[in-house]
Amino acid sequence: MRKVDSKRLSLQLTRQSYSLTPKRGAGIWLGLIAAVCAIAALGAAGFALKRSHEDVRKFDALCAPPASEQTLRDQLAHAQLALEQEAASRASLEQRVKDSSAEIQRLKTDLAFLTKQHKPD
């Protein structure tokens, strides 16, 4: 090679080693990963908070103080009255069924008698 050519700028550029450099720095990738982790942590914390509120409501319902004695007595009196009404209506219906059965039996007997009377021999 000639001496003149070795000093040319184009020849000097070709003798250097080149490597690919990232367009975005490593700091951007680390920041992006940190942001994703922070969003995931916030989501998990929100879910845990919602779940704990639901559990607290359940425990409050279980640990609620018992109803007052007067309220229980009122509920018992109401239930007894409803039971007495049901028993009375049941007895009334049973009596009507019994009376209807007797009437049906009497009508069947009359029908059988009248059928025998009406038959031509």
Protein backbone atom coordinates (compact mmCIF):
# COMPACT_ATOMS: atom_id res chain seq x y z
CA MET A 1 0.00 0.00 0.00
CA ARG A 2 1.21 3.39 -0.70
CA LYS A 3 2.10 5.79 2.04
CA VAL A 4 -0.16 8.45 0.76
CA ASP A 5 -3.18 6.17 0.96
CA SER A 6 -2.57 5.19 4.57
CA LYS A 7 -3.19 8.72 5.69
CA ARG A 8 -6.46 9.07 3.86
CA LEU A 9 -9.47 9.61 6.11
CA SER A 10 -11.57 6.96 4.42
CA LEU A 11 -8.94 4.30 5.07
CA GLN A 12 -8.62 5.27 8.71
CA LEU A 13 -12.38 4.87 9.24
CA THR A 14 -12.37 1.35 7.86
CA ARG A 15 -9.60 0.20 10.16
CA GLN A 16 -11.43 1.08 13.37
CA SER A 17 -13.63 -1.38 15.19
CA TYR A 18 -17.32 -0.55 15.40
CA SER A 19 -20.03 -1.83 17.72
CA LEU A 20 -23.77 -1.31 17.93
CA THR A 21 -24.88 1.18 20.54
CA PRO A 22 -28.40 1.20 21.95
CA LYS A 23 -30.57 4.10 20.94
CA ARG A 24 -32.15 4.30 24.39
CA GLY A 25 -30.05 4.21 27.49
CA ALA A 26 -30.23 1.51 30.16
CA GLY A 27 -31.74 4.05 32.58
CA ILE A 28 -34.91 4.24 30.53
CA TRP A 29 -35.36 0.46 30.69
CA LEU A 30 -34.75 0.41 34.44
CA GLY A 31 -37.26 3.24 34.91
CA LEU A 32 -39.85 1.40 32.81
CA ILE A 33 -39.41 -1.81 34.82
CA ALA A 34 -39.67 0.14 38.08
CA ALA A 35 -42.89 1.83 36.87
CA VAL A 36 -44.44 -1.52 35.94
CA CYS A 37 -43.51 -2.96 39.35
CA ALA A 38 -44.98 0.09 41.11
CA ILE A 39 -48.27 -0.23 39.19
CA ALA A 40 -48.46 -3.93 40.02
CA ALA A 41 -47.79 -3.21 43.70
CA LEU A 42 -50.52 -0.54 43.78
CA GLY A 43 -52.97 -2.95 42.16
CA ALA A 44 -52.15 -5.68 44.69
CA ALA A 45 -52.50 -3.23 47.58
CA GLY A 46 -55.89 -2.06 46.31
CA PHE A 47 -57.10 -5.66 46.00
CA ALA A 48 -55.86 -6.48 49.52
CA LEU A 49 -57.57 -3.38 50.93
CA LYS A 50 -60.88 -4.25 49.26
CA ARG A 51 -60.65 -7.84 50.50
CA SER A 52 -59.91 -6.73 54.07
CA HIS A 53 -62.96 -4.41 54.03
CA GLU A 54 -65.16 -7.35 52.96
CA ASP A 55 -63.72 -9.52 55.74
CA VAL A 56 -64.31 -6.78 58.32
CA ARG A 57 -67.96 -6.52 57.27
CA LYS A 58 -68.37 -10.29 57.66
CA PHE A 59 -66.79 -10.26 61.11
CA ASP A 60 -68.91 -7.30 62.18
CA ALA A 61 -72.04 -9.21 61.20
CA LEU A 62 -70.87 -12.25 63.19
CA CYS A 63 -69.89 -10.23 66.25
CA ALA A 64 -72.97 -8.02 66.30
CA PRO A 65 -74.59 -7.71 69.73
CA PRO A 66 -77.63 -9.91 70.26
CA ALA A 67 -81.07 -8.42 69.83
CA SER A 68 -82.66 -6.93 72.91
CA GLU A 69 -84.90 -9.09 75.07
CA GLN A 70 -87.96 -7.00 74.23
CA THR A 71 -87.35 -7.46 70.51
CA LEU A 72 -87.05 -11.20 71.01
CA ARG A 73 -90.30 -11.26 73.00
CA ASP A 74 -92.08 -9.31 70.28
CA GLN A 75 -90.81 -11.69 67.62
CA LEU A 76 -91.89 -14.68 69.72
CA ALA A 77 -95.39 -13.24 70.26
CA HIS A 78 -95.69 -12.56 66.53
CA ALA A 79 -94.59 -16.12 65.69
CA GLN A 80 -97.05 -17.59 68.22
CA LEU A 81 -99.91 -15.53 66.76
CA ALA A 82 -99.01 -16.69 63.25
CA LEU A 83 -98.92 -20.30 64.46
CA GLU A 84 -102.34 -19.98 66.10
CA GLN A 85 -103.78 -18.47 62.92
CA GLU A 86 -102.34 -21.30 60.84
CA ALA A 87 -103.69 -23.93 63.24
CA ALA A 88 -107.16 -22.32 63.17
CA SER A 89 -107.24 -22.13 59.38
CA ARG A 90 -106.01 -25.74 59.13
CA ALA A 91 -108.75 -26.92 61.51
CA SER A 92 -111.34 -24.97 59.52
CA LEU A 93 -110.16 -26.50 56.25
CA GLU A 94 -110.11 -30.00 57.73
CA GLN A 95 -113.70 -29.53 58.94
CA ARG A 96 -114.79 -28.34 55.50
CA VAL A 97 -113.08 -31.35 53.89
CA LYS A 98 -114.82 -33.68 56.36
CA ASP A 99 -118.21 -32.06 55.70
CA SER A 100 -117.63 -32.16 51.93
CA SER A 101 -116.65 -35.84 52.10
CA ALA A 102 -119.84 -36.65 54.00
CA GLU A 103 -121.91 -34.69 51.46
CA ILE A 104 -120.19 -36.48 48.57
CA GLN A 105 -120.84 -39.85 50.18
CA ARG A 106 -124.53 -38.97 50.68
CA LEU A 107 -124.85 -37.82 47.07
CA LYS A 108 -123.21 -41.03 45.81
CA THR A 109 -125.72 -43.06 47.81
CA ASP A 110 -128.63 -41.04 46.40
CA LEU A 111 -127.25 -41.41 42.88
CA ALA A 112 -126.92 -45.16 43.25
CA PHE A 113 -130.51 -45.39 44.53
CA LEU A 114 -131.87 -43.21 41.76
CA THR A 115 -129.91 -45.13 39.12
CA LYS A 116 -131.47 -48.42 40.31
CA GLN A 117 -134.95 -46.83 40.28
CA HIS A 118 -134.59 -45.47 36.77
CA LYS A 119 -133.23 -48.67 35.13
CA PRO A 120 -135.78 -50.33 32.90
CA ASP A 121 -136.09 -54.01 33.69
